[in-house]
Amino acid sequence: MSEAPSRIIYTPHPRQMEAMTSEQIRAAFVVSPRTTPGRIAFTFTDLDRMAIALVDASLPAQLTNDHETGSEFFLARRELGAINIGRGGGVVRVDGATHEVGPGDCIYVGMGSRLVMLESPGEEPAHFFLVSCPAHHAHPTAVIPKVDANPLSLGSGTTANQRTIRQCIHAAGIRSCQLVMGYTDLAEGSVWNTMPPHTHSRRSEIYFYFDLGENIVAHFLGEPGATRHVWVHNEQAVLSPSWSIHCGCGTGRYKFIWAMAGENQSFDDMDKIDARGLR
């Protein structure tokens, strides 16, 4: 099987970030996943070895190996999560088994799975956002529909951060080795996400913004006392090292997928930051 070409991003040290220009920060933290119908092209990161891809499944797309895995096949020592952000239903075939993944649904594919194919059976194509990280145990492939994802209601309209968090891959949902994944949907009239912000030194995180329409988001990152920001457009991802805050404010309503990997899977394991101390 031929290997798909990969891109690798190395995030800077916090001291380096203090002297970086806006373009240098964008190059180090913002990812615009490449999409070619029928092809899966991963961007690898040094954040707990997470890799991400955006897949247009209007043509069948097969998961091929990448030299960055250092293994015989892509999921030999990895696990994978995917959320369908498209308007059409999708099908994911894993080693002969067929799994239907509708809009807003999430699928987990466990370590050891060899043949993975993403397709769209209908006229409206599915679009999948994929996240993969190293694994040490084979958990079974599973799908969780949008309606069954654990909902958490946070924030309020008065602080413009009312939102619903849908937990998909987590300790009380789809089981995995270390991947934790889900997405956040802001209420109409709310623009802030993850406010007040936090860090978690035991895990890295990646945000993928989608359904922005014409809106844009100012995503804040960096150490609490030396924050920076990047402007994010539709279907762009932002890398968040363990030392960095992550929060954002948009010009209107939007959604974003969050994915984490690291030492534990405790969703509440975070160090909250008093917003008044941000600089």
Foldseek 3Di string as FASTA:
>chain_A
DDAADEAEAEADDLVVVLPDDQVRQCRRWKFQADEDAQEWYWYFYPFLGKIKHKYWQQDKHKQAAHVVCVDPTNQQFKKKKKAWQWQAKKWKAWPNDIDIHGHGKMKIAWRPTHIIMIHTPDPGITMMMMMMHGADDGAHIDMDHNVRFDWDWDDDLVQLETKIWGWAEFDPHRDGRFKTKTKMWGDWNHFKYCPVWWAAQFKWKKKFWAPQVPKWKWWWKGAQARIDTHIGDHGMMTTHHRRMITMIGMPTTTMMMMMMGGDHRPPPRTGGDDNVSGD
